Amino acid sequence: MTPKTILPRLRAAWIAIICLNCLSLSAETPDAVLENQQTDVFVKDGKLYTSRSYVLKINNREGEEYAEISIPYSKMVKVSKIEAYIKDKDGLIVKKLKSGDIKD
């Protein structure tokens, strides 16, 4: 499998979960928090689709290391649509993913 890398502030959820479990043991504010993770599986026109979404809150500069994500794909597992954006503390979108932000 070859991963696609997205540069805006996202990180693979399983990595974030492992690291955040370690961070949650301290009384300090964690660098980053996985606030929501959702997976939807559905069939459309006889094809199976999986949609995954993650909400990651970056609390400080150290949390930016969790802001990169790799999406594995192959001939059998295709990625057809990628959406990502950065929101400010008020929930307003300040940056959207552009095709130039994706590396293969």
PDB file of N, CA and C in Angstrom:
ATOM      1  N   MET A   1       0.835  -1.188   0.000  1.00  0.00           N
ATOM      2  CA  MET A   1       0.000   0.000   0.000  1.00  0.00           C
ATOM      3  C   MET A   1       0.879   1.250   0.000  1.00  0.00           C
ATOM      4  N   THR A   2       0.443   2.250  -0.740  1.00  0.00           N
ATOM      5  CA  THR A   2       1.170   3.507  -0.793  1.00  0.00           C
ATOM      6  C   THR A   2       0.344   4.567  -0.086  1.00  0.00           C
ATOM      7  N   PRO A   3       0.903   5.281   0.897  1.00  0.00           N
ATOM      8  CA  PRO A   3       0.109   6.293   1.601  1.00  0.00           C
ATOM      9  C   PRO A   3       0.118   7.632   0.890  1.00  0.00           C
ATOM     10  N   LYS A   4      -0.981   8.347   0.971  1.00  0.00           N
ATOM     11  CA  LYS A   4      -1.035   9.742   0.543  1.00  0.00           C
ATOM     12  C   LYS A   4      -0.870  10.561   1.810  1.00  0.00           C
ATOM     13  N   THR A   5      -0.102  11.609   1.741  1.00  0.00           N
ATOM     14  CA  THR A   5       0.136  12.428   2.910  1.00  0.00           C
ATOM     15  C   THR A   5      -0.598  13.741   2.758  1.00  0.00           C
ATOM     16  N   ILE A   6      -1.332  14.147   3.774  1.00  0.00           N
ATOM     17  CA  ILE A   6      -2.040  15.411   3.781  1.00  0.00           C
ATOM     18  C   ILE A   6      -1.324  16.312   4.762  1.00  0.00           C
ATOM     19  N   LEU A   7      -0.916  17.475   4.299  1.00  0.00           N
ATOM     20  CA  LEU A   7      -0.124  18.356   5.125  1.00  0.00           C
ATOM     21  C   LEU A   7      -0.911  19.200   6.104  1.00  0.00           C
ATOM     22  N   PRO A   8      -2.141  19.628   5.833  1.00  0.00           N
ATOM     23  CA  PRO A   8      -2.848  20.430   6.836  1.00  0.00           C
ATOM     24  C   PRO A   8      -3.012  19.655   8.129  1.00  0.00           C
ATOM     25  N   ARG A   9      -3.431  20.297   9.117  1.00  0.00           N
ATOM     26  CA  ARG A   9      -3.371  19.866  10.497  1.00  0.00           C
ATOM     27  C   ARG A   9      -4.231  18.654  10.841  1.00  0.00           C
ATOM     28  N   LEU A  10      -3.834  17.484  10.355  1.00  0.00           N
ATOM     29  CA  LEU A  10      -4.507  16.233  10.682  1.00  0.00           C
ATOM     30  C   LEU A  10      -3.452  15.175  10.957  1.00  0.00           C
ATOM     31  N   ARG A  11      -3.825  14.140  11.639  1.00  0.00           N
ATOM     32  CA  ARG A  11      -2.886  13.062  11.948  1.00  0.00           C
ATOM     33  C   ARG A  11      -3.661  11.756  11.975  1.00  0.00           C
ATOM     34  N   ALA A  12      -3.012  10.677  11.646  1.00  0.00           N
ATOM     35  CA  ALA A  12      -3.685   9.377  11.660  1.00  0.00           C
ATOM     36  C   ALA A  12      -4.301   9.132  13.031  1.00  0.00           C
ATOM     37  N   ALA A  13      -5.538   8.762  13.052  1.00  0.00           N
ATOM     38  CA  ALA A  13      -6.294   8.662  14.304  1.00  0.00           C
ATOM     39  C   ALA A  13      -5.698   7.639  15.252  1.00  0.00           C
ATOM     40  N   TRP A  14      -5.251   6.512  14.737  1.00  0.00           N
ATOM     41  CA  TRP A  14      -4.738   5.494  15.650  1.00  0.00           C
ATOM     42  C   TRP A  14      -3.472   5.965  16.331  1.00  0.00           C
ATOM     43  N   ILE A  15      -2.668   6.765  15.658  1.00  0.00           N
ATOM     44  CA  ILE A  15      -1.477   7.326  16.296  1.00  0.00           C
ATOM     45  C   ILE A  15      -1.901   8.316  17.370  1.00  0.00           C
ATOM     46  N   ALA A  16      -2.877   9.152  17.049  1.00  0.00           N
ATOM     47  CA  ALA A  16      -3.351  10.143  18.009  1.00  0.00           C
ATOM     48  C   ALA A  16      -3.943   9.462  19.237  1.00  0.00           C
ATOM     49  N   ILE A  17      -4.672   8.377  19.061  1.00  0.00           N
ATOM     50  CA  ILE A  17      -5.293   7.686  20.184  1.00  0.00           C
ATOM     51  C   ILE A  17      -4.216   7.134  21.121  1.00  0.00           C
ATOM     52  N   ILE A  18      -3.206   6.491  20.563  1.00  0.00           N
ATOM     53  CA  ILE A  18      -2.138   5.922  21.384  1.00  0.00           C
ATOM     54  C   ILE A  18      -1.444   7.026  22.170  1.00  0.00           C
ATOM     55  N   CYS A  19      -1.069   8.100  21.509  1.00  0.00           N
ATOM     56  CA  CYS A  19      -0.355   9.187  22.168  1.00  0.00           C
ATOM     57  C   CYS A  19      -1.247   9.916  23.166  1.00  0.00           C
ATOM     58  N   LEU A  20      -2.510  10.112  22.818  1.00  0.00           N
ATOM     59  CA  LEU A  20      -3.400  10.838  23.709  1.00  0.00           C
ATOM     60  C   LEU A  20      -3.694  10.045  24.978  1.00  0.00           C
ATOM     61  N   ASN A  21      -3.714   8.732  24.886  1.00  0.00           N
ATOM     62  CA  ASN A  21      -3.897   7.935  26.095  1.00  0.00           C
ATOM     63  C   ASN A  21      -2.741   8.176  27.060  1.00  0.00           C
ATOM     64  N   CYS A  22      -1.535   8.314  26.537  1.00  0.00           N
ATOM     65  CA  CYS A  22      -0.378   8.610  27.385  1.00  0.00           C
ATOM     66  C   CYS A  22      -0.502  10.014  27.966  1.00  0.00           C
ATOM     67  N   LEU A  23      -0.931  10.963  27.154  1.00  0.00           N
ATOM     68  CA  LEU A  23      -1.020  12.342  27.601  1.00  0.00           C
ATOM     69  C   LEU A  23      -2.102  12.550  28.645  1.00  0.00           C
ATOM     70  N   SER A  24      -3.160  11.768  28.588  1.00  0.00           N
ATOM     71  CA  SER A  24      -4.284  11.989  29.491  1.00  0.00           C
ATOM     72  C   SER A  24      -3.943  11.648  30.947  1.00  0.00           C
ATOM     73  N   LEU A  25      -2.816  11.005  31.173  1.00  0.00           N
ATOM     74  CA  LEU A  25      -2.431  10.660  32.533  1.00  0.00           C
ATOM     75  C   LEU A  25      -1.930  11.872  33.309  1.00  0.00           C
ATOM     76  N   SER A  26      -1.528  12.927  32.603  1.00  0.00           N
ATOM     77  CA  SER A  26      -1.013  14.100  33.298  1.00  0.00           C
ATOM     78  C   SER A  26      -2.137  15.087  33.576  1.00  0.00           C
ATOM     79  N   ALA A  27      -1.920  15.974  34.543  1.00  0.00           N
ATOM     80  CA  ALA A  27      -2.925  16.967  34.918  1.00  0.00           C
ATOM     81  C   ALA A  27      -2.896  18.172  33.992  1.00  0.00           C
ATOM     82  N   GLU A  28      -1.867  18.284  33.176  1.00  0.00           N
ATOM     83  CA  GLU A  28      -1.749  19.414  32.260  1.00  0.00           C
ATOM     84  C   GLU A  28      -2.664  19.227  31.053  1.00  0.00           C
ATOM     85  N   THR A  29      -2.899  20.324  30.339  1.00  0.00           N
ATOM     86  CA  THR A  29      -3.673  20.257  29.097  1.00  0.00           C
ATOM     87  C   THR A  29      -2.866  19.485  28.061  1.00  0.00           C
ATOM     88  N   PRO A  30      -3.464  18.489  27.406  1.00  0.00           N
ATOM     89  CA  PRO A  30      -2.724  17.729  26.405  1.00  0.00           C
ATOM     90  C   PRO A  30      -2.417  18.589  25.178  1.00  0.00           C
ATOM     91  N   ASP A  31      -1.369  18.213  24.460  1.00  0.00           N
ATOM     92  CA  ASP A  31      -0.981  18.942  23.258  1.00  0.00           C
ATOM     93  C   ASP A  31      -2.071  18.860  22.183  1.00  0.00           C
ATOM     94  N   ALA A  32      -2.725  17.710  22.092  1.00  0.00           N
ATOM     95  CA  ALA A  32      -3.777  17.503  21.099  1.00  0.00           C
ATOM     96  C   ALA A  32      -4.798  16.518  21.665  1.00  0.00           C
ATOM     97  N   VAL A  33      -6.041  16.635  21.193  1.00  0.00           N
ATOM     98  CA  VAL A  33      -7.118  15.757  21.658  1.00  0.00           C
ATOM     99  C   VAL A  33      -7.934  15.303  20.451  1.00  0.00           C
ATOM    100  N   LEU A  34      -8.151  13.998  20.325  1.00  0.00           N
ATOM    101  CA  LEU A  34      -9.048  13.469  19.308  1.00  0.00           C
ATOM    102  C   LEU A  34     -10.461  13.621  19.859  1.00  0.00           C
ATOM    103  N   GLU A  35     -11.205  14.602  19.367  1.00  0.00           N
ATOM    104  CA  GLU A  35     -12.526  14.904  19.918  1.00  0.00           C
ATOM    105  C   GLU A  35     -13.627  14.032  19.337  1.00  0.00           C
ATOM    106  N   ASN A  36     -13.451  13.578  18.098  1.00  0.00           N
ATOM    107  CA  ASN A  36     -14.490  12.769  17.464  1.00  0.00           C
ATOM    108  C   ASN A  36     -13.860  11.918  16.377  1.00  0.00           C
ATOM    109  N   GLN A  37     -14.360  10.706  16.256  1.00  0.00           N
ATOM    110  CA  GLN A  37     -13.947   9.800  15.193  1.00  0.00           C
ATOM    111  C   GLN A  37     -15.203   9.089  14.718  1.00  0.00           C
ATOM    112  N   GLN A  38     -15.434   9.095  13.414  1.00  0.00           N
ATOM    113  CA  GLN A  38     -16.653   8.475  12.886  1.00  0.00           C
ATOM    114  C   GLN A  38     -16.319   7.687  11.630  1.00  0.00           C
ATOM    115  N   THR A  39     -16.873   6.486  11.518  1.00  0.00           N
ATOM    116  CA  THR A  39     -16.729   5.654  10.325  1.00  0.00           C
ATOM    117  C   THR A  39     -18.120   5.264   9.861  1.00  0.00           C
ATOM    118  N   ASP A  40     -18.418   5.539   8.610  1.00  0.00           N
ATOM    119  CA  ASP A  40     -19.695   5.151   8.004  1.00  0.00           C
ATOM    120  C   ASP A  40     -19.395   4.204   6.850  1.00  0.00           C
ATOM    121  N   VAL A  41     -20.113   3.101   6.790  1.00  0.00           N
ATOM    122  CA  VAL A  41     -19.975   2.131   5.714  1.00  0.00           C
ATOM    123  C   VAL A  41     -21.328   2.025   5.025  1.00  0.00           C
ATOM    124  N   PHE A  42     -21.316   2.123   3.675  1.00  0.00           N
ATOM    125  CA  PHE A  42     -22.578   2.053   2.949  1.00  0.00           C
ATOM    126  C   PHE A  42     -22.356   1.473   1.562  1.00  0.00           C
ATOM    127  N   VAL A  43     -23.437   1.000   0.957  1.00  0.00           N
ATOM    128  CA  VAL A  43     -23.401   0.445  -0.392  1.00  0.00           C
ATOM    129  C   VAL A  43     -24.141   1.397  -1.309  1.00  0.00           C
ATOM    130  N   LYS A  44     -23.506   1.736  -2.438  1.00  0.00           N
ATOM    131  CA  LYS A  44     -24.113   2.623  -3.433  1.00  0.00           C
ATOM    132  C   LYS A  44     -23.791   2.064  -4.809  1.00  0.00           C
ATOM    133  N   ASP A  45     -24.799   1.852  -5.615  1.00  0.00           N
ATOM    134  CA  ASP A  45     -24.645   1.299  -6.962  1.00  0.00           C
ATOM    135  C   ASP A  45     -23.858  -0.012  -6.951  1.00  0.00           C
ATOM    136  N   GLY A  46     -24.096  -0.847  -5.943  1.00  0.00           N
ATOM    137  CA  GLY A  46     -23.447  -2.142  -5.848  1.00  0.00           C
ATOM    138  C   GLY A  46     -22.008  -2.108  -5.379  1.00  0.00           C
ATOM    139  N   LYS A  47     -21.519  -0.959  -4.961  1.00  0.00           N
ATOM    140  CA  LYS A  47     -20.141  -0.837  -4.477  1.00  0.00           C
ATOM    141  C   LYS A  47     -20.147  -0.475  -2.997  1.00  0.00           C
ATOM    142  N   LEU A  48     -19.171  -1.015  -2.276  1.00  0.00           N
ATOM    143  CA  LEU A  48     -19.034  -0.745  -0.856  1.00  0.00           C
ATOM    144  C   LEU A  48     -18.157   0.480  -0.648  1.00  0.00           C
ATOM    145  N   TYR A  49     -18.641   1.427   0.139  1.00  0.00           N
ATOM    146  CA  TYR A  49     -17.903   2.661   0.422  1.00  0.00           C
ATOM    147  C   TYR A  49     -17.705   2.799   1.929  1.00  0.00           C
ATOM    148  N   THR A  50     -16.579   3.372   2.301  1.00  0.00           N
ATOM    149  CA  THR A  50     -16.295   3.679   3.691  1.00  0.00           C
ATOM    150  C   THR A  50     -15.936   5.148   3.779  1.00  0.00           C
ATOM    151  N   SER A  51     -16.572   5.841   4.677  1.00  0.00           N
ATOM    152  CA  SER A  51     -16.299   7.260   4.912  1.00  0.00           C
ATOM    153  C   SER A  51     -15.783   7.410   6.339  1.00  0.00           C
ATOM    154  N   ARG A  52     -14.625   8.051   6.481  1.00  0.00           N
ATOM    155  CA  ARG A  52     -14.051   8.247   7.818  1.00  0.00           C
ATOM    156  C   ARG A  52     -13.842   9.724   8.069  1.00  0.00           C
ATOM    157  N   SER A  53     -14.153  10.145   9.287  1.00  0.00           N
ATOM    158  CA  SER A  53     -13.901  11.537   9.657  1.00  0.00           C
ATOM    159  C   SER A  53     -13.326  11.596  11.063  1.00  0.00           C
ATOM    160  N   TYR A  54     -12.469  12.594  11.276  1.00  0.00           N
ATOM    161  CA  TYR A  54     -11.801  12.781  12.548  1.00  0.00           C
ATOM    162  C   TYR A  54     -11.817  14.259  12.892  1.00  0.00           C
ATOM    163  N   VAL A  55     -12.022  14.564  14.165  1.00  0.00           N
ATOM    164  CA  VAL A  55     -11.902  15.933  14.649  1.00  0.00           C
ATOM    165  C   VAL A  55     -10.778  15.925  15.676  1.00  0.00           C
ATOM    166  N   LEU A  56      -9.722  16.651  15.356  1.00  0.00           N
ATOM    167  CA  LEU A  56      -8.554  16.711  16.215  1.00  0.00           C
ATOM    168  C   LEU A  56      -8.358  18.144  16.668  1.00  0.00           C
ATOM    169  N   LYS A  57      -8.307  18.353  17.969  1.00  0.00           N
ATOM    170  CA  LYS A  57      -8.100  19.693  18.512  1.00  0.00           C
ATOM    171  C   LYS A  57      -6.634  19.832  18.915  1.00  0.00           C
ATOM    172  N   ILE A  58      -5.956  20.795  18.321  1.00  0.00           N
ATOM    173  CA  ILE A  58      -4.561  21.084  18.633  1.00  0.00           C
ATOM    174  C   ILE A  58      -4.565  22.196  19.680  1.00  0.00           C
ATOM    175  N   ASN A  59      -4.010  21.939  20.848  1.00  0.00           N
ATOM    176  CA  ASN A  59      -4.045  22.905  21.945  1.00  0.00           C
ATOM    177  C   ASN A  59      -2.834  23.820  22.020  1.00  0.00           C
ATOM    178  N   ASN A  60      -1.726  23.420  21.401  1.00  0.00           N
ATOM    179  CA  ASN A  60      -0.520  24.242  21.437  1.00  0.00           C
ATOM    180  C   ASN A  60       0.404  23.830  20.293  1.00  0.00           C
ATOM    181  N   ARG A  61       1.543  24.499  20.174  1.00  0.00           N
ATOM    182  CA  ARG A  61       2.488  24.216  19.083  1.00  0.00           C
ATOM    183  C   ARG A  61       3.000  22.778  19.118  1.00  0.00           C
ATOM    184  N   GLU A  62       3.189  22.232  20.299  1.00  0.00           N
ATOM    185  CA  GLU A  62       3.675  20.857  20.396  1.00  0.00           C
ATOM    186  C   GLU A  62       2.667  19.865  19.797  1.00  0.00           C
ATOM    187  N   GLY A  63       1.391  20.220  19.809  1.00  0.00           N
ATOM    188  CA  GLY A  63       0.358  19.356  19.255  1.00  0.00           C
ATOM    189  C   GLY A  63       0.340  19.314  17.742  1.00  0.00           C
ATOM    190  N   GLU A  64       1.052  20.217  17.095  1.00  0.00           N
ATOM    191  CA  GLU A  64       1.067  20.241  15.630  1.00  0.00           C
ATOM    192  C   GLU A  64       1.694  18.993  15.022  1.00  0.00           C
ATOM    193  N   GLU A  65       2.483  18.266  15.812  1.00  0.00           N
ATOM    194  CA  GLU A  65       3.077  17.044  15.283  1.00  0.00           C
ATOM    195  C   GLU A  65       2.003  15.992  14.951  1.00  0.00           C
ATOM    196  N   TYR A  66       0.818  16.131  15.520  1.00  0.00           N
ATOM    197  CA  TYR A  66      -0.285  15.205  15.233  1.00  0.00           C
ATOM    198  C   TYR A  66      -1.121  15.663  14.039  1.00  0.00           C
ATOM    199  N   ALA A  67      -0.691  16.700  13.361  1.00  0.00           N
ATOM    200  CA  ALA A  67      -1.502  17.345  12.344  1.00  0.00           C
ATOM    201  C   ALA A  67      -1.231  16.843  10.934  1.00  0.00           C
ATOM    202  N   GLU A  68      -0.578  15.723  10.787  1.00  0.00           N
ATOM    203  CA  GLU A  68      -0.309  15.163   9.467  1.00  0.00           C
ATOM    204  C   GLU A  68      -0.908  13.770   9.416  1.00  0.00           C
ATOM    205  N   ILE A  69      -1.495  13.416   8.285  1.00  0.00           N
ATOM    206  CA  ILE A  69      -2.169  12.122   8.175  1.00  0.00           C
ATOM    207  C   ILE A  69      -1.695  11.393   6.925  1.00  0.00           C
ATOM    208  N   SER A  70      -1.619  10.076   7.026  1.00  0.00           N
ATOM    209  CA  SER A  70      -1.340   9.222   5.869  1.00  0.00           C
ATOM    210  C   SER A  70      -2.559   8.354   5.634  1.00  0.00           C
ATOM    211  N   ILE A  71      -2.973   8.278   4.389  1.00  0.00           N
ATOM    212  CA  ILE A  71      -4.136   7.470   4.021  1.00  0.00           C
ATOM    213  C   ILE A  71      -3.651   6.344   3.116  1.00  0.00           C
ATOM    214  N   PRO A  72      -3.627   5.104   3.619  1.00  0.00           N
ATOM    215  CA  PRO A  72      -3.166   3.999   2.776  1.00  0.00           C
ATOM    216  C   PRO A  72      -4.169   3.692   1.672  1.00  0.00           C
ATOM    217  N   TYR A  73      -3.640   3.335   0.505  1.00  0.00           N
ATOM    218  CA  TYR A  73      -4.495   2.933  -0.610  1.00  0.00           C
ATOM    219  C   TYR A  73      -3.741   1.938  -1.470  1.00  0.00           C
ATOM    220  N   SER A  74      -4.477   1.237  -2.329  1.00  0.00           N
ATOM    221  CA  SER A  74      -3.895   0.244  -3.233  1.00  0.00           C
ATOM    222  C   SER A  74      -4.815   0.112  -4.431  1.00  0.00           C
ATOM    223  N   LYS A  75      -4.541  -0.865  -5.291  1.00  0.00           N
ATOM    224  CA  LYS A  75      -5.426  -1.114  -6.428  1.00  0.00           C
ATOM    225  C   LYS A  75      -6.804  -1.573  -5.951  1.00  0.00           C
ATOM    226  N   MET A  76      -6.834  -2.255  -4.810  1.00  0.00           N
ATOM    227  CA  MET A  76      -8.094  -2.757  -4.272  1.00  0.00           C
ATOM    228  C   MET A  76      -8.798  -1.729  -3.379  1.00  0.00           C
ATOM    229  N   VAL A  77      -8.033  -0.847  -2.741  1.00  0.00           N
ATOM    230  CA  VAL A  77      -8.578   0.159  -1.831  1.00  0.00           C
ATOM    231  C   VAL A  77      -8.259   1.523  -2.419  1.00  0.00           C
ATOM    232  N   LYS A  78      -9.268   2.167  -2.998  1.00  0.00           N
ATOM    233  CA  LYS A  78      -9.060   3.446  -3.669  1.00  0.00           C
ATOM    234  C   LYS A  78      -9.583   4.598  -2.816  1.00  0.00           C
ATOM    235  N   VAL A  79      -8.899   5.717  -2.918  1.00  0.00           N
ATOM    236  CA  VAL A  79      -9.343   6.942  -2.252  1.00  0.00           C
ATOM    237  C   VAL A  79      -9.950   7.822  -3.339  1.00  0.00           C
ATOM    238  N   SER A  80     -11.224   8.180  -3.166  1.00  0.00           N
ATOM    239  CA  SER A  80     -11.897   8.936  -4.212  1.00  0.00           C
ATOM    240  C   SER A  80     -12.153  10.388  -3.843  1.00  0.00           C
ATOM    241  N   LYS A  81     -12.184  10.693  -2.566  1.00  0.00           N
ATOM    242  CA  LYS A  81     -12.493  12.066  -2.165  1.00  0.00           C
ATOM    243  C   LYS A  81     -11.824  12.352  -0.826  1.00  0.00           C
ATOM    244  N   ILE A  82     -11.096  13.457  -0.779  1.00  0.00           N
ATOM    245  CA  ILE A  82     -10.444  13.862   0.460  1.00  0.00           C
ATOM    246  C   ILE A  82     -10.861  15.298   0.753  1.00  0.00           C
ATOM    247  N   GLU A  83     -11.373  15.514   1.951  1.00  0.00           N
ATOM    248  CA  GLU A  83     -11.719  16.863   2.406  1.00  0.00           C
ATOM    249  C   GLU A  83     -11.059  17.081   3.759  1.00  0.00           C
ATOM    250  N   ALA A  84     -10.475  18.250   3.938  1.00  0.00           N
ATOM    251  CA  ALA A  84      -9.888  18.589   5.235  1.00  0.00           C
ATOM    252  C   ALA A  84      -9.900  20.096   5.383  1.00  0.00           C
ATOM    253  N   TYR A  85     -10.007  20.539   6.621  1.00  0.00           N
ATOM    254  CA  TYR A  85      -9.988  21.973   6.875  1.00  0.00           C
ATOM    255  C   TYR A  85      -9.552  22.243   8.300  1.00  0.00           C
ATOM    256  N   ILE A  86      -9.142  23.478   8.518  1.00  0.00           N
ATOM    257  CA  ILE A  86      -8.722  23.934   9.836  1.00  0.00           C
ATOM    258  C   ILE A  86      -9.745  24.956  10.305  1.00  0.00           C
ATOM    259  N   LYS A  87     -10.196  24.780  11.553  1.00  0.00           N
ATOM    260  CA  LYS A  87     -11.136  25.732  12.148  1.00  0.00           C
ATOM    261  C   LYS A  87     -10.442  26.494  13.269  1.00  0.00           C
ATOM    262  N   ASP A  88     -10.881  27.720  13.496  1.00  0.00           N
ATOM    263  CA  ASP A  88     -10.363  28.480  14.637  1.00  0.00           C
ATOM    264  C   ASP A  88     -11.137  28.093  15.899  1.00  0.00           C
ATOM    265  N   LYS A  89     -10.816  28.719  17.015  1.00  0.00           N
ATOM    266  CA  LYS A  89     -11.445  28.352  18.289  1.00  0.00           C
ATOM    267  C   LYS A  89     -12.945  28.600  18.307  1.00  0.00           C
ATOM    268  N   ASP A  90     -13.454  29.458  17.396  1.00  0.00           N
ATOM    269  CA  ASP A  90     -14.885  29.734  17.319  1.00  0.00           C
ATOM    270  C   ASP A  90     -15.611  28.817  16.340  1.00  0.00           C
ATOM    271  N   GLY A  91     -14.879  27.894  15.712  1.00  0.00           N
ATOM    272  CA  GLY A  91     -15.484  26.951  14.778  1.00  0.00           C
ATOM    273  C   GLY A  91     -15.575  27.450  13.351  1.00  0.00           C
ATOM    274  N   LEU A  92     -14.965  28.572  13.040  1.00  0.00           N
ATOM    275  CA  LEU A  92     -14.977  29.105  11.680  1.00  0.00           C
ATOM    276  C   LEU A  92     -13.829  28.505  10.877  1.00  0.00           C
ATOM    277  N   ILE A  93     -14.109  28.103   9.637  1.00  0.00           N
ATOM    278  CA  ILE A  93     -13.084  27.514   8.783  1.00  0.00           C
ATOM    279  C   ILE A  93     -12.108  28.600   8.344  1.00  0.00           C
ATOM    280  N   VAL A  94     -10.816  28.387   8.626  1.00  0.00           N
ATOM    281  CA  VAL A  94      -9.795  29.359   8.265  1.00  0.00           C
ATOM    282  C   VAL A  94      -8.922  28.870   7.112  1.00  0.00           C
ATOM    283  N   LYS A  95      -8.915  27.553   6.850  1.00  0.00           N
ATOM    284  CA  LYS A  95      -8.166  27.014   5.729  1.00  0.00           C
ATOM    285  C   LYS A  95      -8.785  25.704   5.290  1.00  0.00           C
ATOM    286  N   LYS A  96      -8.880  25.522   3.963  1.00  0.00           N
ATOM    287  CA  LYS A  96      -9.358  24.266   3.402  1.00  0.00           C
ATOM    288  C   LYS A  96      -8.210  23.579   2.674  1.00  0.00           C
ATOM    289  N   LEU A  97      -8.265  22.257   2.651  1.00  0.00           N
ATOM    290  CA  LEU A  97      -7.269  21.463   1.949  1.00  0.00           C
ATOM    291  C   LEU A  97      -7.336  21.774   0.459  1.00  0.00           C
ATOM    292  N   LYS A  98      -6.172  21.967  -0.147  1.00  0.00           N
ATOM    293  CA  LYS A  98      -6.070  22.154  -1.595  1.00  0.00           C
ATOM    294  C   LYS A  98      -5.379  20.946  -2.188  1.00  0.00           C
ATOM    295  N   SER A  99      -5.588  20.718  -3.472  1.00  0.00           N
ATOM    296  CA  SER A  99      -4.970  19.542  -4.113  1.00  0.00           C
ATOM    297  C   SER A  99      -3.447  19.607  -4.025  1.00  0.00           C
ATOM    298  N   GLY A 100      -2.859  20.798  -3.987  1.00  0.00           N
ATOM    299  CA  GLY A 100      -1.418  20.941  -3.868  1.00  0.00           C
ATOM    300  C   GLY A 100      -0.885  20.548  -2.497  1.00  0.00           C
ATOM    301  N   ASP A 101      -1.773  20.425  -1.502  1.00  0.00           N
ATOM    302  CA  ASP A 101      -1.369  20.028  -0.154  1.00  0.00           C
ATOM    303  C   ASP A 101      -1.182  18.517  -0.013  1.00  0.00           C
ATOM    304  N   ILE A 102      -1.572  17.765  -1.045  1.00  0.00           N
ATOM    305  CA  ILE A 102      -1.515  16.300  -1.001  1.00  0.00           C
ATOM    306  C   ILE A 102      -0.276  15.822  -1.720  1.00  0.00           C
ATOM    307  N   LYS A 103       0.478  14.949  -1.047  1.00  0.00           N
ATOM    308  CA  LYS A 103       1.656  14.312  -1.653  1.00  0.00           C
ATOM    309  C   LYS A 103       1.366  12.841  -1.832  1.00  0.00           C
ATOM    310  N   ASP A 104       1.840  12.281  -2.923  1.00  0.00           N
ATOM    311  CA  ASP A 104       1.652  10.860  -3.170  1.00  0.00           C
ATOM    312  C   ASP A 104       2.932  10.117  -2.863  1.00  0.00           C
TER     313      ASP A 104
END
